[in-house]
PDB file of N, CA and C in Angstrom:
ATOM      1  N   MET A   1      41.388 -17.102 -23.114  1.00  0.00           N
ATOM      2  CA  MET A   1      40.024 -17.414 -22.360  1.00  0.00           C
ATOM      3  C   MET A   1      38.938 -17.512 -23.403  1.00  0.00           C
ATOM      4  N   PRO A   2      38.288 -18.813 -23.302  1.00  0.00           N
ATOM      5  CA  PRO A   2      37.122 -19.058 -24.288  1.00  0.00           C
ATOM      6  C   PRO A   2      35.905 -18.421 -23.913  1.00  0.00           C
ATOM      7  N   LYS A   3      35.396 -17.831 -24.981  1.00  0.00           N
ATOM      8  CA  LYS A   3      33.927 -17.143 -24.814  1.00  0.00           C
ATOM      9  C   LYS A   3      32.775 -18.087 -24.767  1.00  0.00           C
ATOM     10  N   ASP A   4      31.957 -17.574 -23.644  1.00  0.00           N
ATOM     11  CA  ASP A   4      30.792 -18.511 -23.456  1.00  0.00           C
ATOM     12  C   ASP A   4      29.619 -17.932 -24.226  1.00  0.00           C
ATOM     13  N   ASN A   5      28.972 -18.627 -25.230  1.00  0.00           N
ATOM     14  CA  ASN A   5      28.078 -18.239 -26.182  1.00  0.00           C
ATOM     15  C   ASN A   5      26.652 -18.590 -25.715  1.00  0.00           C
ATOM     16  N   ARG A   6      26.437 -19.132 -24.423  1.00  0.00           N
ATOM     17  CA  ARG A   6      25.181 -19.671 -23.955  1.00  0.00           C
ATOM     18  C   ARG A   6      24.319 -18.377 -23.372  1.00  0.00           C
ATOM     19  N   PRO A   7      23.057 -18.380 -23.719  1.00  0.00           N
ATOM     20  CA  PRO A   7      22.357 -17.123 -23.219  1.00  0.00           C
ATOM     21  C   PRO A   7      22.284 -17.054 -21.717  1.00  0.00           C
ATOM     22  N   THR A   8      21.994 -15.888 -21.162  1.00  0.00           N
ATOM     23  CA  THR A   8      21.979 -15.751 -19.791  1.00  0.00           C
ATOM     24  C   THR A   8      20.666 -16.194 -19.272  1.00  0.00           C
ATOM     25  N   ASP A   9      20.546 -17.030 -18.287  1.00  0.00           N
ATOM     26  CA  ASP A   9      19.358 -17.591 -17.640  1.00  0.00           C
ATOM     27  C   ASP A   9      18.895 -16.549 -16.661  1.00  0.00           C
ATOM     28  N   TYR A  10      18.154 -15.680 -16.983  1.00  0.00           N
ATOM     29  CA  TYR A  10      17.655 -14.698 -15.960  1.00  0.00           C
ATOM     30  C   TYR A  10      16.786 -15.188 -14.895  1.00  0.00           C
ATOM     31  N   ARG A  11      15.899 -16.265 -15.267  1.00  0.00           N
ATOM     32  CA  ARG A  11      15.134 -16.834 -14.246  1.00  0.00           C
ATOM     33  C   ARG A  11      15.705 -17.693 -13.335  1.00  0.00           C
ATOM     34  N   ALA A  12      16.928 -18.416 -13.462  1.00  0.00           N
ATOM     35  CA  ALA A  12      17.613 -18.998 -12.480  1.00  0.00           C
ATOM     36  C   ALA A  12      18.374 -18.129 -11.602  1.00  0.00           C
ATOM     37  N   THR A  13      18.779 -16.897 -12.281  1.00  0.00           N
ATOM     38  CA  THR A  13      19.509 -16.137 -11.430  1.00  0.00           C
ATOM     39  C   THR A  13      18.549 -15.261 -10.496  1.00  0.00           C
ATOM     40  N   ARG A  14      17.138 -15.213 -10.980  1.00  0.00           N
ATOM     41  CA  ARG A  14      16.229 -14.544 -10.057  1.00  0.00           C
ATOM     42  C   ARG A  14      16.018 -15.485  -8.981  1.00  0.00           C
ATOM     43  N   ARG A  15      15.720 -16.769  -9.186  1.00  0.00           N
ATOM     44  CA  ARG A  15      15.284 -17.817  -8.249  1.00  0.00           C
ATOM     45  C   ARG A  15      16.557 -17.779  -7.268  1.00  0.00           C
ATOM     46  N   ARG A  16      17.779 -17.791  -7.661  1.00  0.00           N
ATOM     47  CA  ARG A  16      18.763 -17.924  -6.710  1.00  0.00           C
ATOM     48  C   ARG A  16      18.982 -16.779  -5.801  1.00  0.00           C
ATOM     49  N   ASN A  17      18.815 -15.485  -6.491  1.00  0.00           N
ATOM     50  CA  ASN A  17      18.812 -14.254  -5.511  1.00  0.00           C
ATOM     51  C   ASN A  17      17.598 -14.180  -4.687  1.00  0.00           C
ATOM     52  N   ASP A  18      16.328 -14.803  -4.966  1.00  0.00           N
ATOM     53  CA  ASP A  18      15.425 -14.953  -4.123  1.00  0.00           C
ATOM     54  C   ASP A  18      15.527 -15.775  -3.025  1.00  0.00           C
ATOM     55  N   ARG A  19      16.148 -16.835  -3.183  1.00  0.00           N
ATOM     56  CA  ARG A  19      16.466 -17.909  -1.944  1.00  0.00           C
ATOM     57  C   ARG A  19      17.485 -17.200  -1.162  1.00  0.00           C
ATOM     58  N   ILE A  20      18.445 -16.483  -1.673  1.00  0.00           N
ATOM     59  CA  ILE A  20      19.463 -15.869  -0.830  1.00  0.00           C
ATOM     60  C   ILE A  20      18.722 -14.763   0.046  1.00  0.00           C
ATOM     61  N   LEU A  21      18.080 -13.916  -0.527  1.00  0.00           N
ATOM     62  CA  LEU A  21      17.316 -12.922   0.120  1.00  0.00           C
ATOM     63  C   LEU A  21      16.289 -13.507   1.241  1.00  0.00           C
ATOM     64  N   LEU A  22      15.725 -14.481   0.832  1.00  0.00           N
ATOM     65  CA  LEU A  22      14.712 -15.071   2.078  1.00  0.00           C
ATOM     66  C   LEU A  22      15.573 -15.602   3.053  1.00  0.00           C
ATOM     67  N   TRP A  23      16.663 -16.293   2.940  1.00  0.00           N
ATOM     68  CA  TRP A  23      17.431 -16.732   4.018  1.00  0.00           C
ATOM     69  C   TRP A  23      18.051 -15.509   4.849  1.00  0.00           C
ATOM     70  N   LEU A  24      18.414 -14.316   4.227  1.00  0.00           N
ATOM     71  CA  LEU A  24      18.827 -13.259   4.899  1.00  0.00           C
ATOM     72  C   LEU A  24      17.767 -12.747   5.828  1.00  0.00           C
ATOM     73  N   VAL A  25      16.546 -12.468   5.204  1.00  0.00           N
ATOM     74  CA  VAL A  25      15.408 -11.976   5.800  1.00  0.00           C
ATOM     75  C   VAL A  25      15.190 -12.673   7.041  1.00  0.00           C
ATOM     76  N   VAL A  26      15.063 -14.167   6.933  1.00  0.00           N
ATOM     77  CA  VAL A  26      14.782 -15.052   8.188  1.00  0.00           C
ATOM     78  C   VAL A  26      15.878 -14.859   9.074  1.00  0.00           C
ATOM     79  N   GLY A  27      17.225 -14.783   8.594  1.00  0.00           N
ATOM     80  CA  GLY A  27      18.208 -14.726   9.551  1.00  0.00           C
ATOM     81  C   GLY A  27      18.144 -13.470  10.497  1.00  0.00           C
ATOM     82  N   VAL A  28      18.108 -12.328   9.737  1.00  0.00           N
ATOM     83  CA  VAL A  28      18.030 -11.051  10.408  1.00  0.00           C
ATOM     84  C   VAL A  28      16.870 -11.068  11.212  1.00  0.00           C
ATOM     85  N   LEU A  29      15.713 -11.356  10.894  1.00  0.00           N
ATOM     86  CA  LEU A  29      14.569 -11.373  11.630  1.00  0.00           C
ATOM     87  C   LEU A  29      14.658 -12.066  13.048  1.00  0.00           C
ATOM     88  N   ILE A  30      15.340 -13.247  12.884  1.00  0.00           N
ATOM     89  CA  ILE A  30      15.368 -14.074  14.078  1.00  0.00           C
ATOM     90  C   ILE A  30      16.647 -13.547  15.035  1.00  0.00           C
ATOM     91  N   VAL A  31      17.838 -13.437  14.281  1.00  0.00           N
ATOM     92  CA  VAL A  31      19.097 -13.064  15.137  1.00  0.00           C
ATOM     93  C   VAL A  31      18.997 -11.671  15.683  1.00  0.00           C
ATOM     94  N   VAL A  32      18.725 -10.604  14.842  1.00  0.00           N
ATOM     95  CA  VAL A  32      18.787  -9.259  15.243  1.00  0.00           C
ATOM     96  C   VAL A  32      17.554  -8.893  16.118  1.00  0.00           C
ATOM     97  N   GLY A  33      16.490  -9.422  15.743  1.00  0.00           N
ATOM     98  CA  GLY A  33      15.310  -9.273  16.555  1.00  0.00           C
ATOM     99  C   GLY A  33      15.331  -9.931  17.853  1.00  0.00           C
ATOM    100  N   THR A  34      16.046 -10.942  18.081  1.00  0.00           N
ATOM    101  CA  THR A  34      16.261 -11.503  19.358  1.00  0.00           C
ATOM    102  C   THR A  34      17.269 -10.842  20.248  1.00  0.00           C
ATOM    103  N   VAL A  35      18.413 -10.431  19.549  1.00  0.00           N
ATOM    104  CA  VAL A  35      19.236  -9.672  20.325  1.00  0.00           C
ATOM    105  C   VAL A  35      18.767  -8.278  20.702  1.00  0.00           C
ATOM    106  N   LEU A  36      18.099  -7.504  19.828  1.00  0.00           N
ATOM    107  CA  LEU A  36      17.333  -6.379  20.318  1.00  0.00           C
ATOM    108  C   LEU A  36      16.392  -6.488  21.322  1.00  0.00           C
ATOM    109  N   ILE A  37      15.577  -7.504  21.327  1.00  0.00           N
ATOM    110  CA  ILE A  37      14.597  -7.709  22.460  1.00  0.00           C
ATOM    111  C   ILE A  37      15.488  -8.035  23.758  1.00  0.00           C
ATOM    112  N   GLY A  38      16.567  -8.864  23.636  1.00  0.00           N
ATOM    113  CA  GLY A  38      17.230  -9.119  24.615  1.00  0.00           C
ATOM    114  C   GLY A  38      18.011  -7.832  25.353  1.00  0.00           C
ATOM    115  N   ALA A  39      18.447  -7.061  24.454  1.00  0.00           N
ATOM    116  CA  ALA A  39      19.138  -5.752  24.741  1.00  0.00           C
ATOM    117  C   ALA A  39      18.356  -4.683  25.514  1.00  0.00           C
ATOM    118  N   ILE A  40      17.022  -4.868  25.106  1.00  0.00           N
ATOM    119  CA  ILE A  40      16.158  -3.911  25.670  1.00  0.00           C
ATOM    120  C   ILE A  40      15.425  -4.369  26.953  1.00  0.00           C
ATOM    121  N   TRP A  41      14.865  -5.741  26.930  1.00  0.00           N
ATOM    122  CA  TRP A  41      14.024  -6.293  27.913  1.00  0.00           C
ATOM    123  C   TRP A  41      14.604  -7.420  28.841  1.00  0.00           C
ATOM    124  N   GLY A  42      15.807  -7.776  28.330  1.00  0.00           N
ATOM    125  CA  GLY A  42      16.320  -8.835  29.202  1.00  0.00           C
ATOM    126  C   GLY A  42      16.364 -10.291  28.439  1.00  0.00           C
ATOM    127  N   LEU A  43      17.048 -11.317  29.155  1.00  0.00           N
ATOM    128  CA  LEU A  43      17.127 -12.627  28.644  1.00  0.00           C
ATOM    129  C   LEU A  43      15.955 -13.521  28.629  1.00  0.00           C
ATOM    130  N   PRO A  44      14.958 -13.433  29.552  1.00  0.00           N
ATOM    131  CA  PRO A  44      13.750 -13.981  29.415  1.00  0.00           C
ATOM    132  C   PRO A  44      12.860 -13.538  28.233  1.00  0.00           C
ATOM    133  N   ALA A  45      12.871 -12.296  28.210  1.00  0.00           N
ATOM    134  CA  ALA A  45      11.962 -11.884  27.010  1.00  0.00           C
ATOM    135  C   ALA A  45      12.686 -12.066  25.680  1.00  0.00           C
ATOM    136  N   ALA A  46      13.989 -12.245  25.677  1.00  0.00           N
ATOM    137  CA  ALA A  46      14.712 -12.594  24.437  1.00  0.00           C
ATOM    138  C   ALA A  46      14.304 -13.961  23.958  1.00  0.00           C
ATOM    139  N   ILE A  47      14.282 -14.807  24.994  1.00  0.00           N
ATOM    140  CA  ILE A  47      13.809 -16.169  24.590  1.00  0.00           C
ATOM    141  C   ILE A  47      12.490 -16.281  24.075  1.00  0.00           C
ATOM    142  N   THR A  48      11.664 -15.645  24.702  1.00  0.00           N
ATOM    143  CA  THR A  48      10.201 -15.715  24.308  1.00  0.00           C
ATOM    144  C   THR A  48      10.219 -15.001  23.029  1.00  0.00           C
ATOM    145  N   GLY A  49      10.737 -13.952  22.838  1.00  0.00           N
ATOM    146  CA  GLY A  49      10.607 -13.111  21.508  1.00  0.00           C
ATOM    147  C   GLY A  49      11.234 -13.994  20.478  1.00  0.00           C
ATOM    148  N   GLY A  50      12.441 -14.773  20.755  1.00  0.00           N
ATOM    149  CA  GLY A  50      12.957 -15.579  19.791  1.00  0.00           C
ATOM    150  C   GLY A  50      12.204 -16.711  19.328  1.00  0.00           C
ATOM    151  N   LEU A  51      11.465 -17.171  20.261  1.00  0.00           N
ATOM    152  CA  LEU A  51      10.541 -18.254  19.804  1.00  0.00           C
ATOM    153  C   LEU A  51       9.312 -17.714  18.874  1.00  0.00           C
ATOM    154  N   CYS A  52       8.763 -16.529  19.322  1.00  0.00           N
ATOM    155  CA  CYS A  52       7.908 -15.839  18.480  1.00  0.00           C
ATOM    156  C   CYS A  52       8.315 -15.518  17.042  1.00  0.00           C
ATOM    157  N   LEU A  53       9.588 -15.014  17.194  1.00  0.00           N
ATOM    158  CA  LEU A  53      10.094 -14.566  15.838  1.00  0.00           C
ATOM    159  C   LEU A  53      10.472 -15.722  14.946  1.00  0.00           C
ATOM    160  N   GLY A  54      10.784 -16.978  15.632  1.00  0.00           N
ATOM    161  CA  GLY A  54      10.890 -18.065  14.953  1.00  0.00           C
ATOM    162  C   GLY A  54       9.705 -18.521  14.207  1.00  0.00           C
ATOM    163  N   GLY A  55       8.633 -18.506  15.095  1.00  0.00           N
ATOM    164  CA  GLY A  55       7.269 -18.733  14.274  1.00  0.00           C
ATOM    165  C   GLY A  55       6.884 -17.906  13.159  1.00  0.00           C
ATOM    166  N   GLY A  56       7.224 -16.544  13.371  1.00  0.00           N
ATOM    167  CA  GLY A  56       6.874 -15.704  12.146  1.00  0.00           C
ATOM    168  C   GLY A  56       7.763 -16.018  11.019  1.00  0.00           C
ATOM    169  N   ALA A  57       9.073 -16.481  11.284  1.00  0.00           N
ATOM    170  CA  ALA A  57      10.060 -16.962  10.061  1.00  0.00           C
ATOM    171  C   ALA A  57       9.435 -18.155   9.560  1.00  0.00           C
ATOM    172  N   ALA A  58       8.773 -18.991  10.293  1.00  0.00           N
ATOM    173  CA  ALA A  58       8.357 -20.297   9.746  1.00  0.00           C
ATOM    174  C   ALA A  58       7.193 -19.974   8.805  1.00  0.00           C
ATOM    175  N   LEU A  59       6.332 -18.911   9.207  1.00  0.00           N
ATOM    176  CA  LEU A  59       5.211 -18.475   8.431  1.00  0.00           C
ATOM    177  C   LEU A  59       5.705 -17.941   7.181  1.00  0.00           C
ATOM    178  N   ILE A  60       6.790 -17.216   7.151  1.00  0.00           N
ATOM    179  CA  ILE A  60       7.364 -16.614   5.992  1.00  0.00           C
ATOM    180  C   ILE A  60       7.901 -17.753   5.000  1.00  0.00           C
ATOM    181  N   LEU A  61       8.562 -18.768   5.511  1.00  0.00           N
ATOM    182  CA  LEU A  61       9.045 -19.738   4.802  1.00  0.00           C
ATOM    183  C   LEU A  61       7.812 -20.669   4.285  1.00  0.00           C
ATOM    184  N   LEU A  62       6.799 -20.794   4.968  1.00  0.00           N
ATOM    185  CA  LEU A  62       5.574 -21.505   4.505  1.00  0.00           C
ATOM    186  C   LEU A  62       4.956 -20.804   3.354  1.00  0.00           C
ATOM    187  N   LEU A  63       4.911 -19.624   3.316  1.00  0.00           N
ATOM    188  CA  LEU A  63       4.426 -18.778   2.338  1.00  0.00           C
ATOM    189  C   LEU A  63       5.215 -18.704   1.086  1.00  0.00           C
ATOM    190  N   TRP A  64       6.517 -18.611   1.329  1.00  0.00           N
ATOM    191  CA  TRP A  64       7.358 -18.723   0.101  1.00  0.00           C
ATOM    192  C   TRP A  64       7.356 -20.168  -0.506  1.00  0.00           C
ATOM    193  N   GLY A  65       7.273 -21.218   0.157  1.00  0.00           N
ATOM    194  CA  GLY A  65       7.113 -22.480  -0.319  1.00  0.00           C
ATOM    195  C   GLY A  65       5.995 -22.649  -1.066  1.00  0.00           C
ATOM    196  N   LEU A  66       4.713 -22.116  -0.518  1.00  0.00           N
ATOM    197  CA  LEU A  66       3.500 -22.105  -1.191  1.00  0.00           C
ATOM    198  C   LEU A  66       3.477 -21.569  -2.753  1.00  0.00           C
ATOM    199  N   LEU A  67       4.215 -20.335  -2.718  1.00  0.00           N
ATOM    200  CA  LEU A  67       4.367 -19.436  -4.002  1.00  0.00           C
ATOM    201  C   LEU A  67       5.160 -20.269  -4.876  1.00  0.00           C
ATOM    202  N   THR A  68       6.198 -20.834  -4.262  1.00  0.00           N
ATOM    203  CA  THR A  68       7.101 -21.631  -5.283  1.00  0.00           C
ATOM    204  C   THR A  68       6.346 -22.806  -5.704  1.00  0.00           C
ATOM    205  N   LEU A  69       5.590 -23.514  -4.927  1.00  0.00           N
ATOM    206  CA  LEU A  69       4.893 -24.693  -5.419  1.00  0.00           C
ATOM    207  C   LEU A  69       3.820 -24.169  -6.475  1.00  0.00           C
ATOM    208  N   MET A  70       3.039 -22.945  -6.261  1.00  0.00           N
ATOM    209  CA  MET A  70       2.226 -22.542  -7.281  1.00  0.00           C
ATOM    210  C   MET A  70       2.872 -22.206  -8.585  1.00  0.00           C
ATOM    211  N   GLU A  71       4.144 -21.654  -8.518  1.00  0.00           N
ATOM    212  CA  GLU A  71       4.941 -21.276  -9.546  1.00  0.00           C
ATOM    213  C   GLU A  71       5.260 -22.501 -10.418  1.00  0.00           C
ATOM    214  N   LYS A  72       5.678 -23.692  -9.719  1.00  0.00           N
ATOM    215  CA  LYS A  72       6.014 -24.737 -10.505  1.00  0.00           C
ATOM    216  C   LYS A  72       4.851 -25.469 -11.171  1.00  0.00           C
ATOM    217  N   PHE A  73       3.592 -25.192 -10.397  1.00  0.00           N
ATOM    218  CA  PHE A  73       2.376 -25.990 -11.051  1.00  0.00           C
ATOM    219  C   PHE A  73       1.908 -25.326 -12.289  1.00  0.00           C
ATOM    220  N   VAL A  74       1.877 -24.012 -12.211  1.00  0.00           N
ATOM    221  CA  VAL A  74       1.678 -23.047 -13.316  1.00  0.00           C
ATOM    222  C   VAL A  74       2.420 -23.530 -14.506  1.00  0.00           C
ATOM    223  N   GLY A  75       3.823 -23.668 -14.251  1.00  0.00           N
ATOM    224  CA  GLY A  75       4.680 -23.992 -15.331  1.00  0.00           C
ATOM    225  C   GLY A  75       5.210 -22.803 -16.195  1.00  0.00           C
ATOM    226  N   ASP A  76       5.609 -21.790 -15.523  1.00  0.00           N
ATOM    227  CA  ASP A  76       5.823 -20.533 -16.240  1.00  0.00           C
ATOM    228  C   ASP A  76       7.155 -20.685 -17.018  1.00  0.00           C
ATOM    229  N   GLU A  77       7.577 -21.612 -17.402  1.00  0.00           N
ATOM    230  CA  GLU A  77       8.832 -21.917 -18.056  1.00  0.00           C
ATOM    231  C   GLU A  77       8.837 -22.168 -19.374  1.00  0.00           C
TER     232      GLU A  77
END
């Protein structure tokens, strides 16, 4: 097995982990939140709650995108 002598790219690893965690948070927020609302208050409330949770998830994605854009603009690499 050949040995890889390249240095570890911790920034790329952090960015990849950040993207994975972002999508997990958004997925859990929408799916688990909608299911819990539906289990407690019923289907009409789940539909309304899911739409509101989707808006909240969109806000999280917007803020993450803004921060990512600022990070690229600053050029911290």
